[in-house]
C-alpha atoms as a PDB file:
ATOM      1  CA  MET A   1       0.000   0.000   0.000  1.00  0.00           C
ATOM      2  CA  PHE A   2       1.416   3.351  -1.067  1.00  0.00           C
ATOM      3  CA  ILE A   3       0.727   6.440   1.066  1.00  0.00           C
ATOM      4  CA  VAL A   4       1.101   9.838  -0.567  1.00  0.00           C
ATOM      5  CA  PRO A   5       2.873  12.309   1.725  1.00  0.00           C
ATOM      6  CA  ILE A   6       1.048  15.474   2.709  1.00  0.00           C
ATOM      7  CA  THR A   7       2.506  18.551   1.061  1.00  0.00           C
ATOM      8  CA  PRO A   8       2.231  21.929   2.756  1.00  0.00           C
ATOM      9  CA  MET A   9      -0.175  24.460   1.301  1.00  0.00           C
ATOM     10  CA  GLU A  10       1.142  27.647  -0.230  1.00  0.00           C
ATOM     11  CA  LYS A  11       0.519  30.812   1.723  1.00  0.00           C
ATOM     12  CA  MET A  12      -2.329  32.823   0.199  1.00  0.00           C
ATOM     13  CA  ASP A  13      -1.735  36.489  -0.538  1.00  0.00           C
ATOM     14  CA  PHE A  14      -4.975  38.476  -0.487  1.00  0.00           C
ATOM     15  CA  SER A  15      -3.313  41.828  -1.077  1.00  0.00           C
ATOM     16  CA  LYS A  16      -3.421  41.257  -4.852  1.00  0.00           C
ATOM     17  CA  VAL A  17      -7.231  41.350  -5.051  1.00  0.00           C
ATOM     18  CA  GLU A  18      -8.168  44.014  -7.593  1.00  0.00           C
ATOM     19  CA  ASN A  19     -11.921  44.019  -8.180  1.00  0.00           C
ATOM     20  CA  VAL A  20     -13.084  44.374  -4.578  1.00  0.00           C
ATOM     21  CA  LYS A  21     -15.066  47.504  -3.771  1.00  0.00           C
ATOM     22  CA  THR A  22     -15.926  48.951  -0.403  1.00  0.00           C
ATOM     23  CA  ALA A  23     -19.562  49.522   0.510  1.00  0.00           C
ATOM     24  CA  ALA A  24     -19.231  53.259  -0.167  1.00  0.00           C
ATOM     25  CA  GLU A  25     -17.741  52.645  -3.617  1.00  0.00           C
ATOM     26  CA  ALA A  26     -20.390  50.047  -4.486  1.00  0.00           C
ATOM     27  CA  THR A  27     -23.301  52.357  -3.679  1.00  0.00           C
ATOM     28  CA  GLU A  28     -21.673  55.479  -5.104  1.00  0.00           C
ATOM     29  CA  GLY A  29     -24.167  55.730  -7.963  1.00  0.00           C
ATOM     30  CA  GLY A  30     -27.163  54.999  -5.750  1.00  0.00           C
ATOM     31  CA  PHE A  31     -29.542  52.102  -5.459  1.00  0.00           C
ATOM     32  CA  ALA A  32     -30.533  52.184  -9.134  1.00  0.00           C
ATOM     33  CA  SER A  33     -26.963  51.676 -10.366  1.00  0.00           C
ATOM     34  CA  LEU A  34     -26.410  48.943  -7.782  1.00  0.00           C
ATOM     35  CA  LEU A  35     -29.535  47.164  -9.002  1.00  0.00           C
ATOM     36  CA  ASP A  36     -28.520  47.613 -12.656  1.00  0.00           C
ATOM     37  CA  ASN A  37     -25.101  46.094 -11.938  1.00  0.00           C
ATOM     38  CA  ALA A  38     -26.699  43.151 -10.135  1.00  0.00           C
ATOM     39  CA  ILE A  39     -29.065  42.525 -13.053  1.00  0.00           C
ATOM     40  CA  ASP A  40     -26.162  42.681 -15.524  1.00  0.00           C
ATOM     41  CA  GLU A  41     -24.213  40.147 -13.453  1.00  0.00           C
ATOM     42  CA  PHE A  42     -27.283  37.887 -13.356  1.00  0.00           C
ATOM     43  CA  LYS A  43     -27.663  38.083 -17.133  1.00  0.00           C
ATOM     44  CA  LYS A  44     -23.996  37.118 -17.596  1.00  0.00           C
ATOM     45  CA  ALA A  45     -24.299  34.187 -15.192  1.00  0.00           C
ATOM     46  CA  ASP A  46     -27.536  33.022 -16.820  1.00  0.00           C
ATOM     47  CA  THR A  47     -25.993  33.172 -20.295  1.00  0.00           C
ATOM     48  CA  LEU A  48     -22.953  31.234 -19.088  1.00  0.00           C
ATOM     49  CA  SER A  49     -25.133  28.539 -17.507  1.00  0.00           C
ATOM     50  CA  ASP A  50     -27.158  28.279 -20.744  1.00  0.00           C
ATOM     51  CA  ILE A  51     -23.962  27.833 -22.768  1.00  0.00           C
ATOM     52  CA  ASP A  52     -22.729  25.205 -20.306  1.00  0.00           C
ATOM     53  CA  GLY A  53     -26.085  23.392 -20.435  1.00  0.00           C
ATOM     54  CA  ASN A  54     -26.000  23.291 -24.224  1.00  0.00           C
ATOM     55  CA  ALA A  55     -22.416  22.018 -24.206  1.00  0.00           C
ATOM     56  CA  LEU A  56     -23.374  19.321 -21.700  1.00  0.00           C
ATOM     57  CA  SER A  57     -26.399  18.239 -23.726  1.00  0.00           C
ATOM     58  CA  ILE A  58     -24.383  17.689 -26.904  1.00  0.00           C
ATOM     59  CA  GLY A  59     -21.486  16.022 -25.088  1.00  0.00           C
ATOM     60  CA  ASN A  60     -18.849  18.766 -25.336  1.00  0.00           C
ATOM     61  CA  ALA A  61     -18.494  19.215 -21.575  1.00  0.00           C
ATOM     62  CA  ASP A  62     -15.125  18.590 -19.976  1.00  0.00           C
ATOM     63  CA  ASP A  63     -15.500  20.034 -16.485  1.00  0.00           C
ATOM     64  CA  LEU A  64     -18.781  18.946 -14.910  1.00  0.00           C
ATOM     65  CA  ALA A  65     -17.944  20.570 -11.581  1.00  0.00           C
ATOM     66  CA  GLN A  66     -17.553  23.995 -13.193  1.00  0.00           C
ATOM     67  CA  ILE A  67     -20.837  23.542 -15.071  1.00  0.00           C
ATOM     68  CA  GLN A  68     -22.620  22.764 -11.810  1.00  0.00           C
ATOM     69  CA  ILE A  69     -21.000  25.757 -10.089  1.00  0.00           C
ATOM     70  CA  ASN A  70     -22.094  28.082 -12.913  1.00  0.00           C
ATOM     71  CA  LEU A  71     -25.627  26.698 -12.745  1.00  0.00           C
ATOM     72  CA  LEU A  72     -25.828  27.166  -8.987  1.00  0.00           C
ATOM     73  CA  LYS A  73     -24.482  30.728  -9.278  1.00  0.00           C
ATOM     74  CA  ALA A  74     -27.196  31.611 -11.787  1.00  0.00           C
ATOM     75  CA  GLU A  75     -29.871  29.956  -9.641  1.00  0.00           C
ATOM     76  CA  THR A  76     -28.729  31.802  -6.522  1.00  0.00           C
ATOM     77  CA  MET A  77     -28.633  35.121  -8.374  1.00  0.00           C
ATOM     78  CA  LEU A  78     -32.167  34.523  -9.657  1.00  0.00           C
ATOM     79  CA  GLN A  79     -33.461  33.734  -6.175  1.00  0.00           C
ATOM     80  CA  THR A  80     -31.753  36.855  -4.806  1.00  0.00           C
ATOM     81  CA  THR A  81     -33.259  38.993  -7.570  1.00  0.00           C
ATOM     82  CA  VAL A  82     -36.748  37.647  -6.860  1.00  0.00           C
ATOM     83  CA  GLN A  83     -36.358  38.287  -3.126  1.00  0.00           C
ATOM     84  CA  ILE A  84     -35.111  41.850  -3.667  1.00  0.00           C
ATOM     85  CA  THR A  85     -37.967  42.549  -6.056  1.00  0.00           C
ATOM     86  CA  SER A  86     -40.630  41.220  -3.709  1.00  0.00           C
ATOM     87  CA  ARG A  87     -39.188  43.124  -0.745  1.00  0.00           C
ATOM     88  CA  ALA A  88     -39.023  46.352  -2.759  1.00  0.00           C
ATOM     89  CA  VAL A  89     -42.659  45.939  -3.840  1.00  0.00           C
ATOM     90  CA  ASN A  90     -43.724  45.208  -0.254  1.00  0.00           C
ATOM     91  CA  ALA A  91     -41.850  48.289   0.987  1.00  0.00           C
ATOM     92  CA  TYR A  92     -43.509  50.402  -1.716  1.00  0.00           C
ATOM     93  CA  LYS A  93     -46.971  49.104  -0.758  1.00  0.00           C
ATOM     94  CA  GLU A  94     -46.285  49.820   2.893  1.00  0.00           C
ATOM     95  CA  ILE A  95     -45.131  53.366   2.154  1.00  0.00           C
ATOM     96  CA  MET A  96     -48.167  54.003  -0.037  1.00  0.00           C
ATOM     97  CA  SER A  97     -50.521  52.839   2.722  1.00  0.00           C
ATOM     98  CA  ILE A  98     -49.199  55.406   5.210  1.00  0.00           C
ATOM     99  CA  GLN A  99     -51.752  58.107   6.001  1.00  0.00           C
ATOM    100  CA  VAL A 100     -50.462  61.646   5.508  1.00  0.00           C
END
């Protein structure tokens, strides 16, 4: 029986992260721009999952794990979008029902 020795992990350097924004930078353009960016990201993820699904259906898929990850990202983004929409509509209805 052959036992593979454990190799040490490389130290991760998080100082090289480039596309991370602070909360103030993310909401700089207001809620509308934040929502537009989220919808654009959802559209990209949905398109990528559609492409992966088509590749899987015709047998051109090499990395099944990445296909599943892309699908779950798109599904999670869709659920988040639906929740944000329903909460925004509920908040609007509540504001409109306030007596002035």
